[in-house]
Amino acid sequence: MDKMTLNLFEDAVLSQARREGLCPGAVVLCGFALPNEAAIFAALNHITIAAG
């Protein structure tokens, strides 16, 4: 699977959170946002509606 299309939430295990390096100074913290997933999506929905 292409790294650009990886699902950020599917198959993530909190106890196995890891860092995926992108380039110097940039990383994806895999599994880091899972405890706040619902709140993040709710906030993004609110932003999307406000921007529309």
PDB file of N, CA and C in Angstrom:
ATOM      1  N   MET A   1       0.845  -1.184   0.000  1.00  0.00           N
ATOM      2  CA  MET A   1       0.000   0.000   0.000  1.00  0.00           C
ATOM      3  C   MET A   1       0.886   1.241   0.000  1.00  0.00           C
ATOM      4  N   ASP A   2       0.493   2.233  -0.755  1.00  0.00           N
ATOM      5  CA  ASP A   2       1.225   3.490  -0.860  1.00  0.00           C
ATOM      6  C   ASP A   2       1.163   4.240   0.474  1.00  0.00           C
ATOM      7  N   LYS A   3       2.285   4.741   0.947  1.00  0.00           N
ATOM      8  CA  LYS A   3       2.322   5.451   2.229  1.00  0.00           C
ATOM      9  C   LYS A   3       1.402   6.666   2.246  1.00  0.00           C
ATOM     10  N   MET A   4       1.153   7.282   1.089  1.00  0.00           N
ATOM     11  CA  MET A   4       0.310   8.469   1.036  1.00  0.00           C
ATOM     12  C   MET A   4      -1.163   8.150   1.242  1.00  0.00           C
ATOM     13  N   THR A   5      -1.559   6.888   1.126  1.00  0.00           N
ATOM     14  CA  THR A   5      -2.969   6.530   1.259  1.00  0.00           C
ATOM     15  C   THR A   5      -3.249   5.650   2.469  1.00  0.00           C
ATOM     16  N   LEU A   6      -2.301   5.515   3.372  1.00  0.00           N
ATOM     17  CA  LEU A   6      -2.518   4.700   4.560  1.00  0.00           C
ATOM     18  C   LEU A   6      -3.616   5.297   5.422  1.00  0.00           C
ATOM     19  N   ASN A   7      -4.468   4.453   5.983  1.00  0.00           N
ATOM     20  CA  ASN A   7      -5.511   4.892   6.887  1.00  0.00           C
ATOM     21  C   ASN A   7      -4.863   5.183   8.240  1.00  0.00           C
ATOM     22  N   LEU A   8      -5.117   6.359   8.793  1.00  0.00           N
ATOM     23  CA  LEU A   8      -4.469   6.765  10.038  1.00  0.00           C
ATOM     24  C   LEU A   8      -5.078   6.122  11.269  1.00  0.00           C
ATOM     25  N   PHE A   9      -6.263   5.540  11.158  1.00  0.00           N
ATOM     26  CA  PHE A   9      -6.927   4.984  12.321  1.00  0.00           C
ATOM     27  C   PHE A   9      -7.093   3.478  12.249  1.00  0.00           C
ATOM     28  N   GLU A  10      -7.311   2.916  11.074  1.00  0.00           N
ATOM     29  CA  GLU A  10      -7.566   1.489  10.930  1.00  0.00           C
ATOM     30  C   GLU A  10      -6.356   0.663  11.349  1.00  0.00           C
ATOM     31  N   ASP A  11      -6.613  -0.404  12.054  1.00  0.00           N
ATOM     32  CA  ASP A  11      -5.592  -1.355  12.468  1.00  0.00           C
ATOM     33  C   ASP A  11      -4.538  -0.781  13.418  1.00  0.00           C
ATOM     34  N   ALA A  12      -4.774   0.395  13.955  1.00  0.00           N
ATOM     35  CA  ALA A  12      -3.801   0.970  14.889  1.00  0.00           C
ATOM     36  C   ALA A  12      -4.024   0.361  16.274  1.00  0.00           C
ATOM     37  N   VAL A  13      -2.951   0.097  16.953  1.00  0.00           N
ATOM     38  CA  VAL A  13      -3.005  -0.441  18.305  1.00  0.00           C
ATOM     39  C   VAL A  13      -2.289   0.551  19.214  1.00  0.00           C
ATOM     40  N   LEU A  14      -3.005   1.065  20.219  1.00  0.00           N
ATOM     41  CA  LEU A  14      -2.424   2.100  21.079  1.00  0.00           C
ATOM     42  C   LEU A  14      -1.126   1.660  21.721  1.00  0.00           C
ATOM     43  N   SER A  15      -1.055   0.414  22.141  1.00  0.00           N
ATOM     44  CA  SER A  15       0.147  -0.047  22.806  1.00  0.00           C
ATOM     45  C   SER A  15       1.325  -0.183  21.840  1.00  0.00           C
ATOM     46  N   GLN A  16       1.053  -0.121  20.551  1.00  0.00           N
ATOM     47  CA  GLN A  16       2.104  -0.243  19.551  1.00  0.00           C
ATOM     48  C   GLN A  16       2.243   1.041  18.731  1.00  0.00           C
ATOM     49  N   ALA A  17       1.887   2.194  19.323  1.00  0.00           N
ATOM     50  CA  ALA A  17       2.028   3.463  18.624  1.00  0.00           C
ATOM     51  C   ALA A  17       3.486   3.628  18.193  1.00  0.00           C
ATOM     52  N   ARG A  18       3.669   4.145  17.018  1.00  0.00           N
ATOM     53  CA  ARG A  18       5.023   4.298  16.493  1.00  0.00           C
ATOM     54  C   ARG A  18       5.134   5.589  15.704  1.00  0.00           C
ATOM     55  N   ARG A  19       6.345   5.948  15.398  1.00  0.00           N
ATOM     56  CA  ARG A  19       6.619   7.151  14.600  1.00  0.00           C
ATOM     57  C   ARG A  19       6.986   6.726  13.188  1.00  0.00           C
ATOM     58  N   GLU A  20       6.343   7.329  12.220  1.00  0.00           N
ATOM     59  CA  GLU A  20       6.614   7.064  10.811  1.00  0.00           C
ATOM     60  C   GLU A  20       7.284   8.317  10.255  1.00  0.00           C
ATOM     61  N   GLY A  21       8.594   8.228   9.968  1.00  0.00           N
ATOM     62  CA  GLY A  21       9.317   9.377   9.467  1.00  0.00           C
ATOM     63  C   GLY A  21       8.902   9.744   8.053  1.00  0.00           C
ATOM     64  N   LEU A  22       8.716  11.039   7.813  1.00  0.00           N
ATOM     65  CA  LEU A  22       8.375  11.540   6.487  1.00  0.00           C
ATOM     66  C   LEU A  22       9.575  12.195   5.821  1.00  0.00           C
ATOM     67  N   CYS A  23      10.203  13.089   6.563  1.00  0.00           N
ATOM     68  CA  CYS A  23      11.403  13.790   6.099  1.00  0.00           C
ATOM     69  C   CYS A  23      12.019  14.417   7.353  1.00  0.00           C
ATOM     70  N   PRO A  24      13.189  14.998   7.263  1.00  0.00           N
ATOM     71  CA  PRO A  24      13.793  15.590   8.458  1.00  0.00           C
ATOM     72  C   PRO A  24      12.853  16.584   9.151  1.00  0.00           C
ATOM     73  N   GLY A  25      12.544  16.322  10.403  1.00  0.00           N
ATOM     74  CA  GLY A  25      11.690  17.203  11.184  1.00  0.00           C
ATOM     75  C   GLY A  25      10.202  16.943  11.059  1.00  0.00           C
ATOM     76  N   ALA A  26       9.792  15.953  10.269  1.00  0.00           N
ATOM     77  CA  ALA A  26       8.361  15.664  10.090  1.00  0.00           C
ATOM     78  C   ALA A  26       8.087  14.180  10.307  1.00  0.00           C
ATOM     79  N   VAL A  27       7.123  13.873  11.155  1.00  0.00           N
ATOM     80  CA  VAL A  27       6.759  12.484  11.431  1.00  0.00           C
ATOM     81  C   VAL A  27       5.246  12.366  11.553  1.00  0.00           C
ATOM     82  N   VAL A  28       4.743  11.174  11.336  1.00  0.00           N
ATOM     83  CA  VAL A  28       3.356  10.830  11.639  1.00  0.00           C
ATOM     84  C   VAL A  28       3.413   9.973  12.891  1.00  0.00           C
ATOM     85  N   LEU A  29       2.664  10.354  13.908  1.00  0.00           N
ATOM     86  CA  LEU A  29       2.614   9.591  15.150  1.00  0.00           C
ATOM     87  C   LEU A  29       1.452   8.607  15.037  1.00  0.00           C
ATOM     88  N   CYS A  30       1.721   7.452  14.485  1.00  0.00           N
ATOM     89  CA  CYS A  30       0.687   6.444  14.229  1.00  0.00           C
ATOM     90  C   CYS A  30       0.012   6.022  15.526  1.00  0.00           C
ATOM     91  N   GLY A  31      -1.311   6.098  15.574  1.00  0.00           N
ATOM     92  CA  GLY A  31      -2.072   5.719  16.746  1.00  0.00           C
ATOM     93  C   GLY A  31      -2.195   6.808  17.793  1.00  0.00           C
ATOM     94  N   PHE A  32      -1.496   7.906  17.635  1.00  0.00           N
ATOM     95  CA  PHE A  32      -1.456   8.965  18.644  1.00  0.00           C
ATOM     96  C   PHE A  32      -2.826   9.607  18.870  1.00  0.00           C
ATOM     97  N   ALA A  33      -3.621   9.778  17.816  1.00  0.00           N
ATOM     98  CA  ALA A  33      -4.895  10.494  17.914  1.00  0.00           C
ATOM     99  C   ALA A  33      -6.081   9.603  18.261  1.00  0.00           C
ATOM    100  N   LEU A  34      -5.891   8.304  18.322  1.00  0.00           N
ATOM    101  CA  LEU A  34      -7.016   7.395  18.554  1.00  0.00           C
ATOM    102  C   LEU A  34      -7.863   7.720  19.780  1.00  0.00           C
ATOM    103  N   PRO A  35      -7.295   8.080  20.911  1.00  0.00           N
ATOM    104  CA  PRO A  35      -8.142   8.381  22.068  1.00  0.00           C
ATOM    105  C   PRO A  35      -9.068   9.577  21.836  1.00  0.00           C
ATOM    106  N   ASN A  36      -8.733  10.418  20.871  1.00  0.00           N
ATOM    107  CA  ASN A  36      -9.507  11.636  20.595  1.00  0.00           C
ATOM    108  C   ASN A  36     -10.174  11.603  19.222  1.00  0.00           C
ATOM    109  N   GLU A  37     -10.271  10.435  18.623  1.00  0.00           N
ATOM    110  CA  GLU A  37     -10.786  10.309  17.259  1.00  0.00           C
ATOM    111  C   GLU A  37     -12.151  10.972  17.077  1.00  0.00           C
ATOM    112  N   ALA A  38     -13.108  10.690  17.939  1.00  0.00           N
ATOM    113  CA  ALA A  38     -14.461  11.247  17.787  1.00  0.00           C
ATOM    114  C   ALA A  38     -14.435  12.773  17.879  1.00  0.00           C
ATOM    115  N   ALA A  39     -13.699  13.314  18.833  1.00  0.00           N
ATOM    116  CA  ALA A  39     -13.626  14.765  18.994  1.00  0.00           C
ATOM    117  C   ALA A  39     -12.944  15.429  17.802  1.00  0.00           C
ATOM    118  N   ILE A  40     -11.918  14.793  17.262  1.00  0.00           N
ATOM    119  CA  ILE A  40     -11.210  15.338  16.105  1.00  0.00           C
ATOM    120  C   ILE A  40     -12.143  15.406  14.902  1.00  0.00           C
ATOM    121  N   PHE A  41     -12.869  14.316  14.645  1.00  0.00           N
ATOM    122  CA  PHE A  41     -13.781  14.311  13.505  1.00  0.00           C
ATOM    123  C   PHE A  41     -14.929  15.294  13.705  1.00  0.00           C
ATOM    124  N   ALA A  42     -15.417  15.447  14.924  1.00  0.00           N
ATOM    125  CA  ALA A  42     -16.467  16.422  15.203  1.00  0.00           C
ATOM    126  C   ALA A  42     -15.963  17.843  14.943  1.00  0.00           C
ATOM    127  N   ALA A  43     -14.743  18.137  15.380  1.00  0.00           N
ATOM    128  CA  ALA A  43     -14.163  19.461  15.151  1.00  0.00           C
ATOM    129  C   ALA A  43     -13.940  19.714  13.663  1.00  0.00           C
ATOM    130  N   LEU A  44     -13.454  18.713  12.943  1.00  0.00           N
ATOM    131  CA  LEU A  44     -13.259  18.863  11.500  1.00  0.00           C
ATOM    132  C   LEU A  44     -14.588  19.093  10.788  1.00  0.00           C
ATOM    133  N   ASN A  45     -15.629  18.397  11.227  1.00  0.00           N
ATOM    134  CA  ASN A  45     -16.950  18.604  10.645  1.00  0.00           C
ATOM    135  C   ASN A  45     -17.425  20.033  10.885  1.00  0.00           C
ATOM    136  N   HIS A  46     -17.240  20.529  12.097  1.00  0.00           N
ATOM    137  CA  HIS A  46     -17.616  21.906  12.436  1.00  0.00           C
ATOM    138  C   HIS A  46     -16.867  22.918  11.560  1.00  0.00           C
ATOM    139  N   ILE A  47     -15.586  22.717  11.378  1.00  0.00           N
ATOM    140  CA  ILE A  47     -14.765  23.597  10.533  1.00  0.00           C
ATOM    141  C   ILE A  47     -15.241  23.556   9.085  1.00  0.00           C
ATOM    142  N   THR A  48     -15.516  22.350   8.599  1.00  0.00           N
ATOM    143  CA  THR A  48     -15.978  22.194   7.213  1.00  0.00           C
ATOM    144  C   THR A  48     -17.295  22.920   6.991  1.00  0.00           C
ATOM    145  N   ILE A  49     -18.229  22.799   7.919  1.00  0.00           N
ATOM    146  CA  ILE A  49     -19.510  23.490   7.805  1.00  0.00           C
ATOM    147  C   ILE A  49     -19.314  25.003   7.840  1.00  0.00           C
ATOM    148  N   ALA A  50     -18.475  25.499   8.759  1.00  0.00           N
ATOM    149  CA  ALA A  50     -18.225  26.923   8.877  1.00  0.00           C
ATOM    150  C   ALA A  50     -17.540  27.498   7.641  1.00  0.00           C
ATOM    151  N   ALA A  51     -16.700  26.687   6.988  1.00  0.00           N
ATOM    152  CA  ALA A  51     -15.968  27.153   5.819  1.00  0.00           C
ATOM    153  C   ALA A  51     -16.825  27.132   4.554  1.00  0.00           C
ATOM    154  N   GLY A  52     -17.945  26.397   4.597  1.00  0.00           N
ATOM    155  CA  GLY A  52     -18.791  26.209   3.418  1.00  0.00           C
ATOM    156  C   GLY A  52     -19.570  27.394   3.066  1.00  0.00           C
TER     157      GLY A  52
END
